[in-house]
Structure formats: C-alpha cells, structure tokens
Amino acid sequence: INMPFDAAKFDALYDKVADYLSNKEVFVRDCYACADADYRLN
C-alpha cells in the first residue's frame, strides 16, 4: 500500500513535471483542508 520512492528520483521527476508545465496555461487555486481552524492545512 505504502510503496517507497527514492528522494533523488522524486526531485528529478518533479523538475521534469515543472518543465512540462512551464510556458503553458495553468490553473492555480489557494484553498485549505480541515474545517476546524486549529487543524487547518493551507
């Protein structure tokens, strides 16, 4: 269920996704989870 992923591989893959989204139209939303303010996650 919880399969490990190498940290360096993640960084490299993230950079590729960021490059893919660069120069494109992207849709961005700021929102949050957890209705109780003491536990809110932005």
PDB file of all heavy atoms in Angstrom:
ATOM      1  N   ILE A   1       0.827  -1.208   0.000  1.00  0.00           N
ATOM      2  CA  ILE A   1       0.000   0.000   0.000  1.00  0.00           C
ATOM      3  C   ILE A   1       0.857   1.253   0.000  1.00  0.00           C
ATOM      4  O   ILE A   1       0.666   2.162  -0.806  1.00  0.00           O
ATOM      5  CB  ILE A   1      -0.957  -0.014   1.209  1.00  0.00           C
ATOM      6  CG1 ILE A   1      -2.013  -1.109   1.029  1.00  0.00           C
ATOM      7  CG2 ILE A   1      -1.621   1.348   1.396  1.00  0.00           C
ATOM      8  CD1 ILE A   1      -2.886  -1.336   2.228  1.00  0.00           C
ATOM      9  N   ASN A   2       1.818   1.304   0.911  1.00  0.00           N
ATOM     10  CA  ASN A   2       2.712   2.460   1.007  1.00  0.00           C
ATOM     11  C   ASN A   2       4.072   2.063   0.458  1.00  0.00           C
ATOM     12  O   ASN A   2       4.926   1.524   1.168  1.00  0.00           O
ATOM     13  CB  ASN A   2       2.825   2.910   2.469  1.00  0.00           C
ATOM     14  CG  ASN A   2       1.495   3.366   3.036  1.00  0.00           C
ATOM     15  OD1 ASN A   2       0.825   4.204   2.453  1.00  0.00           O
ATOM     16  ND2 ASN A   2       1.111   2.800   4.170  1.00  0.00           N
ATOM     17  N   MET A   3       4.256   2.331  -0.821  1.00  0.00           N
ATOM     18  CA  MET A   3       5.483   1.923  -1.502  1.00  0.00           C
ATOM     19  C   MET A   3       6.497   3.065  -1.483  1.00  0.00           C
ATOM     20  O   MET A   3       6.147   4.213  -1.774  1.00  0.00           O
ATOM     21  CB  MET A   3       5.175   1.491  -2.930  1.00  0.00           C
ATOM     22  CG  MET A   3       4.305   0.242  -2.995  1.00  0.00           C
ATOM     23  SD  MET A   3       3.843  -0.235  -4.666  1.00  0.00           S
ATOM     24  CE  MET A   3       2.636   1.039  -5.078  1.00  0.00           C
ATOM     25  N   PRO A   4       7.740   2.758  -1.121  1.00  0.00           N
ATOM     26  CA  PRO A   4       8.746   3.821  -1.009  1.00  0.00           C
ATOM     27  C   PRO A   4       9.197   4.345  -2.365  1.00  0.00           C
ATOM     28  O   PRO A   4       9.238   3.604  -3.355  1.00  0.00           O
ATOM     29  CB  PRO A   4       9.890   3.133  -0.274  1.00  0.00           C
ATOM     30  CG  PRO A   4       9.752   1.681  -0.627  1.00  0.00           C
ATOM     31  CD  PRO A   4       8.283   1.434  -0.765  1.00  0.00           C
ATOM     32  N   PHE A   5       9.524   5.645  -2.390  1.00  0.00           N
ATOM     33  CA  PHE A   5      10.054   6.276  -3.602  1.00  0.00           C
ATOM     34  C   PHE A   5      11.323   7.012  -3.222  1.00  0.00           C
ATOM     35  O   PHE A   5      11.374   7.704  -2.197  1.00  0.00           O
ATOM     36  CB  PHE A   5       9.029   7.257  -4.189  1.00  0.00           C
ATOM     37  CG  PHE A   5       9.238   7.566  -5.637  1.00  0.00           C
ATOM     38  CD1 PHE A   5       8.733   6.731  -6.612  1.00  0.00           C
ATOM     39  CD2 PHE A   5       9.953   8.685  -6.036  1.00  0.00           C
ATOM     40  CE1 PHE A   5       8.926   7.011  -7.966  1.00  0.00           C
ATOM     41  CE2 PHE A   5      10.148   8.981  -7.367  1.00  0.00           C
ATOM     42  CZ  PHE A   5       9.637   8.140  -8.355  1.00  0.00           C
ATOM     43  N   ASP A   6      12.337   6.872  -4.034  1.00  0.00           N
ATOM     44  CA  ASP A   6      13.636   7.475  -3.755  1.00  0.00           C
ATOM     45  C   ASP A   6      13.563   9.002  -3.808  1.00  0.00           C
ATOM     46  O   ASP A   6      12.970   9.570  -4.737  1.00  0.00           O
ATOM     47  CB  ASP A   6      14.662   6.960  -4.777  1.00  0.00           C
ATOM     48  CG  ASP A   6      16.044   7.532  -4.539  1.00  0.00           C
ATOM     49  OD1 ASP A   6      16.725   7.058  -3.616  1.00  0.00           O
ATOM     50  OD2 ASP A   6      16.427   8.471  -5.279  1.00  0.00           O
ATOM     51  N   ALA A   7      14.154   9.660  -2.809  1.00  0.00           N
ATOM     52  CA  ALA A   7      14.065  11.119  -2.708  1.00  0.00           C
ATOM     53  C   ALA A   7      14.710  11.807  -3.907  1.00  0.00           C
ATOM     54  O   ALA A   7      14.180  12.793  -4.442  1.00  0.00           O
ATOM     55  CB  ALA A   7      14.701  11.600  -1.403  1.00  0.00           C
ATOM     56  N   ALA A   8      15.850  11.311  -4.357  1.00  0.00           N
ATOM     57  CA  ALA A   8      16.528  11.918  -5.506  1.00  0.00           C
ATOM     58  C   ALA A   8      15.714  11.718  -6.788  1.00  0.00           C
ATOM     59  O   ALA A   8      15.636  12.622  -7.628  1.00  0.00           O
ATOM     60  CB  ALA A   8      17.924  11.314  -5.665  1.00  0.00           C
ATOM     61  N   LYS A   9      15.108  10.554  -6.921  1.00  0.00           N
ATOM     62  CA  LYS A   9      14.251  10.301  -8.084  1.00  0.00           C
ATOM     63  C   LYS A   9      13.043  11.244  -8.080  1.00  0.00           C
ATOM     64  O   LYS A   9      12.605  11.731  -9.134  1.00  0.00           O
ATOM     65  CB  LYS A   9      13.762   8.853  -8.069  1.00  0.00           C
ATOM     66  CG  LYS A   9      14.826   7.821  -8.414  1.00  0.00           C
ATOM     67  CD  LYS A   9      15.083   7.753  -9.907  1.00  0.00           C
ATOM     68  CE  LYS A   9      15.967   6.575 -10.263  1.00  0.00           C
ATOM     69  NZ  LYS A   9      16.284   6.537 -11.719  1.00  0.00           N
ATOM     70  N   PHE A  10      12.511  11.507  -6.871  1.00  0.00           N
ATOM     71  CA  PHE A  10      11.384  12.432  -6.777  1.00  0.00           C
ATOM     72  C   PHE A  10      11.800  13.815  -7.260  1.00  0.00           C
ATOM     73  O   PHE A  10      11.071  14.463  -8.043  1.00  0.00           O
ATOM     74  CB  PHE A  10      10.872  12.520  -5.338  1.00  0.00           C
ATOM     75  CG  PHE A  10       9.780  13.550  -5.162  1.00  0.00           C
ATOM     76  CD1 PHE A  10       8.456  13.213  -5.370  1.00  0.00           C
ATOM     77  CD2 PHE A  10      10.084  14.866  -4.812  1.00  0.00           C
ATOM     78  CE1 PHE A  10       7.448  14.158  -5.232  1.00  0.00           C
ATOM     79  CE2 PHE A  10       9.084  15.817  -4.674  1.00  0.00           C
ATOM     80  CZ  PHE A  10       7.755  15.463  -4.886  1.00  0.00           C
ATOM     81  N   ASP A  11      12.940  14.290  -6.782  1.00  0.00           N
ATOM     82  CA  ASP A  11      13.396  15.630  -7.175  1.00  0.00           C
ATOM     83  C   ASP A  11      13.551  15.737  -8.689  1.00  0.00           C
ATOM     84  O   ASP A  11      13.142  16.736  -9.301  1.00  0.00           O
ATOM     85  CB  ASP A  11      14.722  15.956  -6.489  1.00  0.00           C
ATOM     86  CG  ASP A  11      14.579  16.144  -4.989  1.00  0.00           C
ATOM     87  OD1 ASP A  11      13.443  16.331  -4.514  1.00  0.00           O
ATOM     88  OD2 ASP A  11      15.619  16.091  -4.286  1.00  0.00           O
ATOM     89  N   ALA A  12      14.119  14.707  -9.300  1.00  0.00           N
ATOM     90  CA  ALA A  12      14.327  14.725 -10.748  1.00  0.00           C
ATOM     91  C   ALA A  12      12.995  14.691 -11.493  1.00  0.00           C
ATOM     92  O   ALA A  12      12.807  15.405 -12.488  1.00  0.00           O
ATOM     93  CB  ALA A  12      15.198  13.537 -11.161  1.00  0.00           C
ATOM     94  N   LEU A  13      12.058  13.865 -11.000  1.00  0.00           N
ATOM     95  CA  LEU A  13      10.742  13.772 -11.649  1.00  0.00           C
ATOM     96  C   LEU A  13       9.966  15.072 -11.469  1.00  0.00           C
ATOM     97  O   LEU A  13       9.314  15.551 -12.412  1.00  0.00           O
ATOM     98  CB  LEU A  13       9.962  12.593 -11.069  1.00  0.00           C
ATOM     99  CG  LEU A  13       8.561  12.346 -11.632  1.00  0.00           C
ATOM    100  CD1 LEU A  13       8.610  12.140 -13.146  1.00  0.00           C
ATOM    101  CD2 LEU A  13       7.908  11.147 -10.955  1.00  0.00           C
ATOM    102  N   TYR A  14      10.047  15.651 -10.269  1.00  0.00           N
ATOM    103  CA  TYR A  14       9.356  16.921 -10.042  1.00  0.00           C
ATOM    104  C   TYR A  14       9.858  17.986 -11.025  1.00  0.00           C
ATOM    105  O   TYR A  14       9.060  18.738 -11.610  1.00  0.00           O
ATOM    106  CB  TYR A  14       9.562  17.409  -8.610  1.00  0.00           C
ATOM    107  CG  TYR A  14       8.906  18.753  -8.367  1.00  0.00           C
ATOM    108  CD1 TYR A  14       7.583  18.831  -7.945  1.00  0.00           C
ATOM    109  CD2 TYR A  14       9.582  19.949  -8.617  1.00  0.00           C
ATOM    110  CE1 TYR A  14       6.951  20.048  -7.775  1.00  0.00           C
ATOM    111  CE2 TYR A  14       8.962  21.180  -8.455  1.00  0.00           C
ATOM    112  CZ  TYR A  14       7.653  21.216  -8.040  1.00  0.00           C
ATOM    113  OH  TYR A  14       7.039  22.435  -7.883  1.00  0.00           O
ATOM    114  N   ASP A  15      11.168  18.061 -11.214  1.00  0.00           N
ATOM    115  CA  ASP A  15      11.735  19.053 -12.134  1.00  0.00           C
ATOM    116  C   ASP A  15      11.210  18.844 -13.554  1.00  0.00           C
ATOM    117  O   ASP A  15      10.949  19.819 -14.283  1.00  0.00           O
ATOM    118  CB  ASP A  15      13.262  18.979 -12.114  1.00  0.00           C
ATOM    119  CG  ASP A  15      13.862  19.521 -10.821  1.00  0.00           C
ATOM    120  OD1 ASP A  15      13.142  20.209 -10.072  1.00  0.00           O
ATOM    121  OD2 ASP A  15      15.048  19.240 -10.551  1.00  0.00           O
ATOM    122  N   LYS A  16      11.043  17.584 -13.955  1.00  0.00           N
ATOM    123  CA  LYS A  16      10.527  17.297 -15.301  1.00  0.00           C
ATOM    124  C   LYS A  16       9.067  17.755 -15.430  1.00  0.00           C
ATOM    125  O   LYS A  16       8.672  18.297 -16.463  1.00  0.00           O
ATOM    126  CB  LYS A  16      10.649  15.801 -15.611  1.00  0.00           C
ATOM    127  CG  LYS A  16      12.085  15.342 -15.817  1.00  0.00           C
ATOM    128  CD  LYS A  16      12.186  13.823 -15.964  1.00  0.00           C
ATOM    129  CE  LYS A  16      11.616  13.330 -17.271  1.00  0.00           C
ATOM    130  NZ  LYS A  16      11.913  11.880 -17.484  1.00  0.00           N
ATOM    131  N   VAL A  17       8.276  17.528 -14.383  1.00  0.00           N
ATOM    132  CA  VAL A  17       6.875  17.964 -14.415  1.00  0.00           C
ATOM    133  C   VAL A  17       6.807  19.494 -14.441  1.00  0.00           C
ATOM    134  O   VAL A  17       6.004  20.078 -15.176  1.00  0.00           O
ATOM    135  CB  VAL A  17       6.097  17.406 -13.209  1.00  0.00           C
ATOM    136  CG1 VAL A  17       4.681  17.979 -13.167  1.00  0.00           C
ATOM    137  CG2 VAL A  17       6.046  15.877 -13.260  1.00  0.00           C
ATOM    138  N   ALA A  18       7.658  20.147 -13.638  1.00  0.00           N
ATOM    139  CA  ALA A  18       7.687  21.612 -13.620  1.00  0.00           C
ATOM    140  C   ALA A  18       8.060  22.157 -14.997  1.00  0.00           C
ATOM    141  O   ALA A  18       7.464  23.144 -15.477  1.00  0.00           O
ATOM    142  CB  ALA A  18       8.659  22.109 -12.557  1.00  0.00           C
ATOM    143  N   ASP A  19       9.026  21.530 -15.642  1.00  0.00           N
ATOM    144  CA  ASP A  19       9.404  21.947 -17.004  1.00  0.00           C
ATOM    145  C   ASP A  19       8.237  21.743 -17.971  1.00  0.00           C
ATOM    146  O   ASP A  19       8.004  22.570 -18.866  1.00  0.00           O
ATOM    147  CB  ASP A  19      10.623  21.153 -17.479  1.00  0.00           C
ATOM    148  CG  ASP A  19      11.911  21.600 -16.802  1.00  0.00           C
ATOM    149  OD1 ASP A  19      11.931  22.695 -16.208  1.00  0.00           O
ATOM    150  OD2 ASP A  19      12.894  20.834 -16.852  1.00  0.00           O
ATOM    151  N   TYR A  20       7.523  20.637 -17.798  1.00  0.00           N
ATOM    152  CA  TYR A  20       6.371  20.340 -18.663  1.00  0.00           C
ATOM    153  C   TYR A  20       5.299  21.422 -18.534  1.00  0.00           C
ATOM    154  O   TYR A  20       4.678  21.821 -19.536  1.00  0.00           O
ATOM    155  CB  TYR A  20       5.810  18.965 -18.283  1.00  0.00           C
ATOM    156  CG  TYR A  20       4.481  18.630 -18.913  1.00  0.00           C
ATOM    157  CD1 TYR A  20       4.413  18.120 -20.211  1.00  0.00           C
ATOM    158  CD2 TYR A  20       3.294  18.821 -18.210  1.00  0.00           C
ATOM    159  CE1 TYR A  20       3.188  17.811 -20.785  1.00  0.00           C
ATOM    160  CE2 TYR A  20       2.059  18.517 -18.779  1.00  0.00           C
ATOM    161  CZ  TYR A  20       2.014  18.012 -20.069  1.00  0.00           C
ATOM    162  OH  TYR A  20       0.803  17.709 -20.632  1.00  0.00           O
ATOM    163  N   LEU A  21       5.064  21.901 -17.304  1.00  0.00           N
ATOM    164  CA  LEU A  21       4.035  22.913 -17.083  1.00  0.00           C
ATOM    165  C   LEU A  21       4.509  24.325 -17.434  1.00  0.00           C
ATOM    166  O   LEU A  21       3.679  25.232 -17.598  1.00  0.00           O
ATOM    167  CB  LEU A  21       3.563  22.872 -15.626  1.00  0.00           C
ATOM    168  CG  LEU A  21       2.781  21.618 -15.210  1.00  0.00           C
ATOM    169  CD1 LEU A  21       2.503  21.633 -13.715  1.00  0.00           C
ATOM    170  CD2 LEU A  21       1.477  21.484 -15.995  1.00  0.00           C
ATOM    171  N   SER A  22       5.798  24.523 -17.518  1.00  0.00           N
ATOM    172  CA  SER A  22       6.331  25.845 -17.873  1.00  0.00           C
ATOM    173  C   SER A  22       5.866  26.231 -19.283  1.00  0.00           C
ATOM    174  O   SER A  22       5.708  25.368 -20.162  1.00  0.00           O
ATOM    175  CB  SER A  22       7.858  25.833 -17.810  1.00  0.00           C
ATOM    176  OG  SER A  22       8.308  25.633 -16.481  1.00  0.00           O
ATOM    177  N   ASN A  23       5.620  27.521 -19.449  1.00  0.00           N
ATOM    178  CA  ASN A  23       5.179  28.074 -20.735  1.00  0.00           C
ATOM    179  C   ASN A  23       3.769  27.621 -21.138  1.00  0.00           C
ATOM    180  O   ASN A  23       3.337  27.877 -22.260  1.00  0.00           O
ATOM    181  CB  ASN A  23       6.167  27.726 -21.859  1.00  0.00           C
ATOM    182  CG  ASN A  23       7.568  28.227 -21.573  1.00  0.00           C
ATOM    183  OD1 ASN A  23       7.772  29.427 -21.380  1.00  0.00           O
ATOM    184  ND2 ASN A  23       8.526  27.297 -21.504  1.00  0.00           N
ATOM    185  N   LYS A  24       3.063  26.952 -20.231  1.00  0.00           N
ATOM    186  CA  LYS A  24       1.702  26.514 -20.515  1.00  0.00           C
ATOM    187  C   LYS A  24       0.701  27.378 -19.740  1.00  0.00           C
ATOM    188  O   LYS A  24       1.055  28.077 -18.801  1.00  0.00           O
ATOM    189  CB  LYS A  24       1.503  25.048 -20.095  1.00  0.00           C
ATOM    190  CG  LYS A  24       2.052  24.002 -21.056  1.00  0.00           C
ATOM    191  CD  LYS A  24       1.646  22.611 -20.591  1.00  0.00           C
ATOM    192  CE  LYS A  24       1.947  21.553 -21.636  1.00  0.00           C
ATOM    193  NZ  LYS A  24       3.359  21.419 -21.932  1.00  0.00           N
ATOM    194  N   GLU A  25      -0.554  27.291 -20.148  1.00  0.00           N
ATOM    195  CA  GLU A  25      -1.634  27.849 -19.346  1.00  0.00           C
ATOM    196  C   GLU A  25      -1.885  26.896 -18.180  1.00  0.00           C
ATOM    197  O   GLU A  25      -2.088  25.695 -18.383  1.00  0.00           O
ATOM    198  CB  GLU A  25      -2.898  27.981 -20.195  1.00  0.00           C
ATOM    199  CG  GLU A  25      -4.084  28.567 -19.454  1.00  0.00           C
ATOM    200  CD  GLU A  25      -5.309  28.665 -20.337  1.00  0.00           C
ATOM    201  OE1 GLU A  25      -5.788  27.610 -20.812  1.00  0.00           O
ATOM    202  OE2 GLU A  25      -5.801  29.789 -20.558  1.00  0.00           O
ATOM    203  N   VAL A  26      -1.849  27.413 -16.956  1.00  0.00           N
ATOM    204  CA  VAL A  26      -2.104  26.574 -15.782  1.00  0.00           C
ATOM    205  C   VAL A  26      -3.132  27.268 -14.894  1.00  0.00           C
ATOM    206  O   VAL A  26      -3.260  28.496 -14.895  1.00  0.00           O
ATOM    207  CB  VAL A  26      -0.815  26.281 -14.980  1.00  0.00           C
ATOM    208  CG1 VAL A  26       0.159  25.453 -15.791  1.00  0.00           C
ATOM    209  CG2 VAL A  26      -0.170  27.552 -14.483  1.00  0.00           C
ATOM    210  N   PHE A  27      -3.830  26.459 -14.136  1.00  0.00           N
ATOM    211  CA  PHE A  27      -4.918  26.938 -13.294  1.00  0.00           C
ATOM    212  C   PHE A  27      -4.527  26.714 -11.837  1.00  0.00           C
ATOM    213  O   PHE A  27      -4.222  25.582 -11.435  1.00  0.00           O
ATOM    214  CB  PHE A  27      -6.210  26.205 -13.650  1.00  0.00           C
ATOM    215  CG  PHE A  27      -6.600  26.399 -15.084  1.00  0.00           C
ATOM    216  CD1 PHE A  27      -6.086  25.569 -16.076  1.00  0.00           C
ATOM    217  CD2 PHE A  27      -7.449  27.431 -15.456  1.00  0.00           C
ATOM    218  CE1 PHE A  27      -6.428  25.758 -17.410  1.00  0.00           C
ATOM    219  CE2 PHE A  27      -7.796  27.627 -16.782  1.00  0.00           C
ATOM    220  CZ  PHE A  27      -7.272  26.791 -17.763  1.00  0.00           C
ATOM    221  N   VAL A  28      -4.525  27.790 -11.074  1.00  0.00           N
ATOM    222  CA  VAL A  28      -3.991  27.753  -9.706  1.00  0.00           C
ATOM    223  C   VAL A  28      -5.087  28.156  -8.723  1.00  0.00           C
ATOM    224  O   VAL A  28      -5.818  29.128  -8.954  1.00  0.00           O
ATOM    225  CB  VAL A  28      -2.779  28.698  -9.561  1.00  0.00           C
ATOM    226  CG1 VAL A  28      -2.210  28.628  -8.149  1.00  0.00           C
ATOM    227  CG2 VAL A  28      -1.707  28.343 -10.597  1.00  0.00           C
ATOM    228  N   ARG A  29      -5.170  27.404  -7.633  1.00  0.00           N
ATOM    229  CA  ARG A  29      -6.183  27.695  -6.614  1.00  0.00           C
ATOM    230  C   ARG A  29      -5.578  27.584  -5.231  1.00  0.00           C
ATOM    231  O   ARG A  29      -4.908  26.595  -4.913  1.00  0.00           O
ATOM    232  CB  ARG A  29      -7.352  26.717  -6.732  1.00  0.00           C
ATOM    233  CG  ARG A  29      -8.429  26.944  -5.671  1.00  0.00           C
ATOM    234  CD  ARG A  29      -9.731  26.304  -6.070  1.00  0.00           C
ATOM    235  NE  ARG A  29     -10.166  26.749  -7.387  1.00  0.00           N
ATOM    236  CZ  ARG A  29     -10.728  27.925  -7.650  1.00  0.00           C
ATOM    237  NH1 ARG A  29     -10.953  28.794  -6.665  1.00  0.00           N
ATOM    238  NH2 ARG A  29     -11.075  28.246  -8.870  1.00  0.00           N
ATOM    239  N   ASP A  30      -5.806  28.603  -4.411  1.00  0.00           N
ATOM    240  CA  ASP A  30      -5.465  28.550  -2.997  1.00  0.00           C
ATOM    241  C   ASP A  30      -6.718  28.142  -2.223  1.00  0.00           C
ATOM    242  O   ASP A  30      -7.802  28.718  -2.424  1.00  0.00           O
ATOM    243  CB  ASP A  30      -4.948  29.905  -2.507  1.00  0.00           C
ATOM    244  CG  ASP A  30      -3.543  30.206  -3.008  1.00  0.00           C
ATOM    245  OD1 ASP A  30      -2.831  29.240  -3.360  1.00  0.00           O
ATOM    246  OD2 ASP A  30      -3.160  31.381  -3.048  1.00  0.00           O
ATOM    247  N   CYS A  31      -6.568  27.154  -1.361  1.00  0.00           N
ATOM    248  CA  CYS A  31      -7.697  26.594  -0.634  1.00  0.00           C
ATOM    249  C   CYS A  31      -7.145  25.954   0.637  1.00  0.00           C
ATOM    250  O   CYS A  31      -5.952  26.078   0.928  1.00  0.00           O
ATOM    251  CB  CYS A  31      -8.440  25.565  -1.492  1.00  0.00           C
ATOM    252  SG  CYS A  31      -7.357  24.384  -2.337  1.00  0.00           S
ATOM    253  N   TYR A  32      -7.990  25.295   1.387  1.00  0.00           N
ATOM    254  CA  TYR A  32      -7.473  24.652   2.587  1.00  0.00           C
ATOM    255  C   TYR A  32      -8.294  23.426   2.942  1.00  0.00           C
ATOM    256  O   TYR A  32      -9.396  23.211   2.417  1.00  0.00           O
ATOM    257  CB  TYR A  32      -7.381  25.624   3.759  1.00  0.00           C
ATOM    258  CG  TYR A  32      -8.681  26.184   4.285  1.00  0.00           C
ATOM    259  CD1 TYR A  32      -9.322  25.621   5.390  1.00  0.00           C
ATOM    260  CD2 TYR A  32      -9.260  27.315   3.717  1.00  0.00           C
ATOM    261  CE1 TYR A  32     -10.498  26.157   5.893  1.00  0.00           C
ATOM    262  CE2 TYR A  32     -10.441  27.856   4.205  1.00  0.00           C
ATOM    263  CZ  TYR A  32     -11.051  27.272   5.297  1.00  0.00           C
ATOM    264  OH  TYR A  32     -12.225  27.796   5.795  1.00  0.00           O
ATOM    265  N   ALA A  33      -7.741  22.598   3.803  1.00  0.00           N
ATOM    266  CA  ALA A  33      -8.431  21.429   4.335  1.00  0.00           C
ATOM    267  C   ALA A  33      -8.586  21.606   5.836  1.00  0.00           C
ATOM    268  O   ALA A  33      -7.790  22.312   6.465  1.00  0.00           O
ATOM    269  CB  ALA A  33      -7.645  20.152   4.021  1.00  0.00           C
ATOM    270  N   CYS A  34      -9.601  20.971   6.389  1.00  0.00           N
ATOM    271  CA  CYS A  34      -9.913  20.925   7.827  1.00  0.00           C
ATOM    272  C   CYS A  34     -10.738  22.137   8.259  1.00  0.00           C
ATOM    273  O   CYS A  34     -10.240  23.264   8.315  1.00  0.00           O
ATOM    274  CB  CYS A  34      -8.673  20.797   8.698  1.00  0.00           C
ATOM    275  SG  CYS A  34      -7.685  19.332   8.310  1.00  0.00           S
ATOM    276  N   ALA A  35     -12.011  21.866   8.564  1.00  0.00           N
ATOM    277  CA  ALA A  35     -12.944  22.933   8.935  1.00  0.00           C
ATOM    278  C   ALA A  35     -12.652  23.530  10.297  1.00  0.00           C
ATOM    279  O   ALA A  35     -13.041  24.666  10.572  1.00  0.00           O
ATOM    280  CB  ALA A  35     -14.377  22.385   8.907  1.00  0.00           C
ATOM    281  N   ASP A  36     -11.981  22.781  11.167  1.00  0.00           N
ATOM    282  CA  ASP A  36     -11.594  23.294  12.483  1.00  0.00           C
ATOM    283  C   ASP A  36     -10.324  24.115  12.324  1.00  0.00           C
ATOM    284  O   ASP A  36      -9.284  23.608  11.892  1.00  0.00           O
ATOM    285  CB  ASP A  36     -11.370  22.123  13.440  1.00  0.00           C
ATOM    286  CG  ASP A  36     -11.176  22.572  14.886  1.00  0.00           C
ATOM    287  OD1 ASP A  36     -10.546  23.619  15.110  1.00  0.00           O
ATOM    288  OD2 ASP A  36     -11.635  21.854  15.798  1.00  0.00           O
ATOM    289  N   ALA A  37     -10.395  25.394  12.673  1.00  0.00           N
ATOM    290  CA  ALA A  37      -9.270  26.313  12.458  1.00  0.00           C
ATOM    291  C   ALA A  37      -7.996  25.853  13.150  1.00  0.00           C
ATOM    292  O   ALA A  37      -6.882  26.169  12.696  1.00  0.00           O
ATOM    293  CB  ALA A  37      -9.652  27.714  12.924  1.00  0.00           C
ATOM    294  N   ASP A  38      -8.115  25.118  14.249  1.00  0.00           N
ATOM    295  CA  ASP A  38      -6.930  24.653  14.970  1.00  0.00           C
ATOM    296  C   ASP A  38      -6.155  23.596  14.194  1.00  0.00           C
ATOM    297  O   ASP A  38      -5.006  23.287  14.536  1.00  0.00           O
ATOM    298  CB  ASP A  38      -7.324  24.080  16.335  1.00  0.00           C
ATOM    299  CG  ASP A  38      -7.838  25.148  17.283  1.00  0.00           C
ATOM    300  OD1 ASP A  38      -7.490  26.331  17.078  1.00  0.00           O
ATOM    301  OD2 ASP A  38      -8.586  24.808  18.220  1.00  0.00           O
ATOM    302  N   TYR A  39      -6.770  23.026  13.164  1.00  0.00           N
ATOM    303  CA  TYR A  39      -6.139  21.938  12.409  1.00  0.00           C
ATOM    304  C   TYR A  39      -6.007  22.265  10.923  1.00  0.00           C
ATOM    305  O   TYR A  39      -5.623  21.419  10.125  1.00  0.00           O
ATOM    306  CB  TYR A  39      -6.954  20.646  12.589  1.00  0.00           C
ATOM    307  CG  TYR A  39      -7.070  20.234  14.032  1.00  0.00           C
ATOM    308  CD1 TYR A  39      -8.107  20.732  14.831  1.00  0.00           C
ATOM    309  CD2 TYR A  39      -6.134  19.401  14.621  1.00  0.00           C
ATOM    310  CE1 TYR A  39      -8.200  20.388  16.174  1.00  0.00           C
ATOM    311  CE2 TYR A  39      -6.224  19.046  15.956  1.00  0.00           C
ATOM    312  CZ  TYR A  39      -7.258  19.547  16.728  1.00  0.00           C
ATOM    313  OH  TYR A  39      -7.333  19.199  18.056  1.00  0.00           O
ATOM    314  N   ARG A  40      -6.271  23.487  10.578  1.00  0.00           N
ATOM    315  CA  ARG A  40      -6.318  23.917   9.176  1.00  0.00           C
ATOM    316  C   ARG A  40      -5.000  23.682   8.444  1.00  0.00           C
ATOM    317  O   ARG A  40      -3.919  23.936   8.976  1.00  0.00           O
ATOM    318  CB  ARG A  40      -6.691  25.392   9.134  1.00  0.00           C
ATOM    319  CG  ARG A  40      -6.701  26.010   7.762  1.00  0.00           C
ATOM    320  CD  ARG A  40      -7.312  27.392   7.816  1.00  0.00           C
ATOM    321  NE  ARG A  40      -7.107  28.137   6.584  1.00  0.00           N
ATOM    322  CZ  ARG A  40      -7.781  29.241   6.254  1.00  0.00           C
ATOM    323  NH1 ARG A  40      -8.694  29.710   7.085  1.00  0.00           N
ATOM    324  NH2 ARG A  40      -7.544  29.860   5.124  1.00  0.00           N
ATOM    325  N   LEU A  41      -5.111  23.200   7.199  1.00  0.00           N
ATOM    326  CA  LEU A  41      -3.942  22.971   6.342  1.00  0.00           C
ATOM    327  C   LEU A  41      -4.132  23.761   5.055  1.00  0.00           C
ATOM    328  O   LEU A  41      -5.017  23.459   4.249  1.00  0.00           O
ATOM    329  CB  LEU A  41      -3.797  21.474   6.037  1.00  0.00           C
ATOM    330  CG  LEU A  41      -2.560  21.079   5.231  1.00  0.00           C
ATOM    331  CD1 LEU A  41      -1.320  21.111   6.113  1.00  0.00           C
ATOM    332  CD2 LEU A  41      -2.732  19.682   4.630  1.00  0.00           C
ATOM    333  N   ASN A  42      -3.317  24.794   4.849  1.00  0.00           N
ATOM    334  CA  ASN A  42      -3.409  25.613   3.645  1.00  0.00           C
ATOM    335  C   ASN A  42      -2.753  24.900   2.460  1.00  0.00           C
ATOM    336  O   ASN A  42      -1.653  24.342   2.587  1.00  0.00           O
ATOM    337  CB  ASN A  42      -2.726  26.961   3.863  1.00  0.00           C
ATOM    338  CG  ASN A  42      -3.574  27.907   4.691  1.00  0.00           C
ATOM    339  OD1 ASN A  42      -4.703  27.591   5.063  1.00  0.00           O
ATOM    340  ND2 ASN A  42      -3.048  29.081   4.985  1.00  0.00           N
TER     341      ASN A  42
END
